[in-house]
Protein backbone atom coordinates (compact mmCIF):
# COMPACT_ATOMS: atom_id res chain seq x y z
CA MET A 1 -2.46 33.92 17.28
CA ARG A 2 -3.87 36.28 14.70
CA LYS A 3 -7.35 36.10 13.29
CA PHE A 4 -7.44 34.29 9.92
CA PRO A 5 -10.06 34.97 7.22
CA LEU A 6 -12.73 32.28 7.54
CA ASN A 7 -13.28 32.25 3.78
CA LYS A 8 -9.66 31.05 3.43
CA ALA A 9 -9.73 28.46 6.23
CA PHE A 10 -9.86 25.62 3.69
CA THR A 11 -6.32 26.53 2.60
CA LEU A 12 -5.07 25.40 6.03
CA ILE A 13 -6.24 21.80 5.55
CA GLU A 14 -6.62 21.41 1.79
CA PRO A 15 -6.11 17.70 1.17
CA GLY A 16 -3.76 16.15 -1.29
CA PRO A 17 -2.23 14.91 -3.34
CA VAL A 18 -3.57 16.55 -6.45
CA VAL A 19 -4.73 13.80 -8.80
CA LEU A 20 -5.78 13.41 -12.38
CA VAL A 21 -9.03 11.51 -12.89
CA THR A 22 -9.60 9.86 -16.24
CA THR A 23 -12.97 8.83 -17.63
CA HIS A 24 -14.27 7.29 -20.83
CA ASP A 25 -17.81 8.14 -21.90
CA GLY A 26 -18.09 5.37 -24.50
CA GLU A 27 -16.62 7.49 -27.27
CA LYS A 28 -13.61 9.33 -25.90
CA SER A 29 -11.36 9.55 -22.87
CA ASN A 30 -10.90 12.69 -20.81
CA ILE A 31 -8.86 13.90 -17.84
CA MET A 32 -9.81 16.26 -15.03
CA THR A 33 -7.61 17.65 -12.27
CA ILE A 34 -8.96 17.10 -8.76
CA SER A 35 -7.43 18.58 -5.62
CA TRP A 36 -10.21 17.55 -3.24
CA THR A 37 -9.48 13.92 -2.46
CA MET A 38 -9.76 11.74 0.61
CA VAL A 39 -8.83 8.24 1.69
CA VAL A 40 -11.94 6.79 3.35
CA ASP A 41 -10.29 4.08 5.45
CA PHE A 42 -7.64 1.35 5.21
CA THR A 43 -9.62 -0.35 2.42
CA PRO A 44 -9.20 0.77 -1.17
CA ARG A 45 -11.98 3.35 -0.77
CA PHE A 46 -11.53 6.96 -1.81
CA ALA A 47 -13.64 10.08 -2.22
CA ILE A 48 -13.30 12.98 -4.62
CA THR A 49 -15.30 16.16 -4.91
CA THR A 50 -16.56 17.04 -8.36
CA GLY A 51 -19.80 17.94 -10.05
CA PRO A 52 -21.52 19.13 -13.21
CA TRP A 53 -19.02 21.99 -13.62
CA ASN A 54 -16.46 19.38 -14.75
CA TYR A 55 -16.94 17.98 -18.25
CA SER A 56 -15.90 14.49 -17.08
CA TYR A 57 -18.61 14.38 -14.44
CA ALA A 58 -21.29 13.21 -16.91
CA ALA A 59 -19.08 10.28 -17.97
CA LEU A 60 -18.31 9.46 -14.34
CA ARG A 61 -22.02 9.34 -13.49
CA LYS A 62 -22.93 7.41 -16.64
CA THR A 63 -20.20 4.74 -16.54
CA ARG A 64 -19.65 4.70 -12.75
CA GLU A 65 -15.93 4.13 -13.24
CA CYS A 66 -12.70 6.08 -13.55
CA VAL A 67 -8.96 5.98 -12.93
CA ILE A 68 -7.25 8.07 -10.27
CA ALA A 69 -3.80 8.89 -11.68
CA ILE A 70 -1.29 10.34 -9.22
CA PRO A 71 1.22 12.69 -10.87
CA ALA A 72 4.57 13.69 -9.43
CA VAL A 73 5.84 17.26 -9.16
CA ASP A 74 7.52 17.16 -12.58
CA LEU A 75 4.01 17.16 -14.09
CA LEU A 76 2.80 20.22 -12.13
CA ASP A 77 2.40 22.51 -15.15
CA THR A 78 0.57 19.74 -17.01
CA VAL A 79 -1.73 19.19 -14.03
CA VAL A 80 -2.53 22.91 -13.85
CA GLY A 81 -3.04 23.06 -17.62
CA ILE A 82 -5.45 20.12 -17.55
CA GLY A 83 -7.41 21.84 -14.81
CA THR A 84 -7.73 25.08 -16.74
CA CYS A 85 -9.22 23.78 -19.98
CA SER A 86 -12.25 21.66 -20.88
CA GLY A 87 -12.35 18.22 -22.44
CA ALA A 88 -15.42 19.43 -24.33
CA GLU A 89 -13.04 21.57 -26.40
CA VAL A 90 -9.72 19.69 -26.48
CA ASP A 91 -8.28 16.20 -26.32
CA LYS A 92 -6.26 16.60 -23.14
CA PHE A 93 -4.14 13.49 -23.75
CA GLU A 94 -3.01 14.97 -27.07
CA LYS A 95 -2.71 18.59 -25.90
CA PHE A 96 -0.52 17.69 -22.90
CA GLY A 97 1.43 14.82 -24.47
CA LEU A 98 0.16 12.16 -22.07
CA THR A 99 0.02 8.48 -22.94
CA PRO A 100 -3.25 6.63 -22.27
CA VAL A 101 -2.70 3.02 -21.19
CA ARG A 102 -5.48 0.47 -21.38
CA ALA A 103 -6.80 -0.43 -17.93
CA ARG A 104 -7.72 -4.02 -17.03
CA HIS A 105 -11.02 -3.48 -15.21
CA VAL A 106 -12.44 -0.15 -16.41
CA ARG A 107 -12.68 1.65 -19.76
CA ALA A 108 -11.02 4.82 -18.48
CA PRO A 109 -7.30 4.77 -19.28
CA LEU A 110 -4.32 4.85 -16.95
CA ILE A 111 -1.80 7.65 -17.54
CA LYS A 112 1.67 6.25 -18.29
CA GLU A 113 3.53 9.37 -17.14
CA CYS A 114 2.00 9.29 -13.65
CA LEU A 115 3.63 7.80 -10.57
CA ALA A 116 0.60 5.64 -9.76
CA ASN A 117 -2.83 4.74 -11.13
CA ILE A 118 -5.86 3.28 -9.37
CA GLU A 119 -8.74 1.78 -11.34
CA CYS A 120 -12.00 2.62 -9.56
CA ARG A 121 -15.71 2.01 -9.58
CA VAL A 122 -18.20 4.55 -8.25
CA ILE A 123 -20.01 3.14 -5.21
CA ASP A 124 -21.88 6.27 -4.14
CA ILE A 125 -22.51 9.85 -5.22
CA ILE A 126 -23.50 12.21 -2.43
CA ARG A 127 -25.03 14.97 -4.52
CA LYS A 128 -25.72 17.35 -1.63
CA HIS A 129 -21.95 17.79 -1.21
CA ASP A 130 -20.73 16.75 -4.70
CA ILE A 131 -18.78 13.83 -3.21
CA VAL A 132 -18.08 10.77 -5.32
CA VAL A 133 -17.11 7.68 -3.32
CA LEU A 134 -14.90 5.25 -5.23
CA GLU A 135 -13.70 1.73 -4.63
CA GLY A 136 -10.34 0.74 -6.07
CA VAL A 137 -10.32 -2.46 -8.11
CA ALA A 138 -6.66 -2.43 -9.20
CA ALA A 139 -3.60 -0.28 -8.44
CA TYR A 140 -0.29 0.28 -10.21
CA TYR A 141 2.91 2.04 -9.09
CA ASP A 142 5.87 2.97 -11.30
CA VAL A 143 8.86 1.83 -9.22
CA LEU A 144 11.29 2.93 -11.95
CA ARG A 145 10.08 6.53 -12.02
CA MET A 146 12.79 8.82 -10.65
CA GLU A 147 10.54 11.66 -9.43
CA LYS A 148 8.22 10.41 -6.71
CA ARG A 149 7.29 13.61 -4.85
CA THR A 150 3.58 14.41 -5.10
CA ILE A 151 1.94 17.82 -5.11
CA HIS A 152 -0.68 19.25 -2.79
CA ALA A 153 -2.88 22.20 -3.67
CA VAL A 154 -3.18 24.91 -1.06
CA GLY A 155 -6.30 26.16 -2.85
CA ASP A 156 -5.09 29.62 -3.72
CA GLY A 157 -3.04 28.81 -6.83
CA THR A 158 0.00 27.66 -4.86
CA PHE A 159 1.22 24.13 -4.20
CA ILE A 160 3.24 22.23 -1.62
CA VAL A 161 5.58 19.43 -2.66
CA ASP A 162 6.14 16.31 -0.56
CA GLY A 163 9.34 16.41 1.40
CA GLU A 164 11.38 14.02 3.48
CA ARG A 165 9.68 10.77 4.49
CA ILE A 166 9.86 10.07 8.22
CA ASN A 167 9.43 6.46 9.34
CA ARG A 168 7.53 5.60 12.55
CA LYS A 169 6.21 2.18 11.46
CA LYS A 170 7.65 0.34 14.48
CA ILE A 171 5.84 2.62 16.92
CA MET A 172 2.54 2.43 14.98
CA LEU A 173 2.66 -1.26 14.06
CA SER A 174 -0.29 -2.23 16.28
CA LYS A 175 -2.52 0.32 14.49
CA LEU A 176 -1.58 -0.54 10.90
CA PRO A 177 -3.44 -3.13 8.84
CA PRO A 178 -1.50 -6.27 7.90
CA GLY A 179 0.80 -5.84 4.92
CA VAL A 180 1.06 -2.05 5.04
């Protein structure tokens, strides 16, 4: 094996998929791109990394709710565009032609064009590491959407697209929660 630059080690395990997180601050909705996500366990608990550098962070802290919208690869350029501009300056729904859909449990909107949406409430903010822990309260999946491959950020401006799905459910059945 060759030595690898330690400052790039995160690119070896960068999580995914890249998601869009919507918020509503009481006046307007916004979207931020997040590539640092994590499933916490088999419950609907998730974590994202964000902080004051993101315009939506103030709304997330204030309202303690958001929507995690999961785009497919056909939205890659939109996802990158959202992540490279600020909601303080533009209406990202309008600029990128996305359709906000009223959520049932939170004020932040779902994104119609995304493969899936999860309405969430903030249950903890770990400020030392800029980690926001979320609990899902409702989830939606677009079964009619043709493109279902998600995107994963490597962290250096490149992305990996989901590939073939390999099924090992029978072997893992004893370790999976009921209904999965």
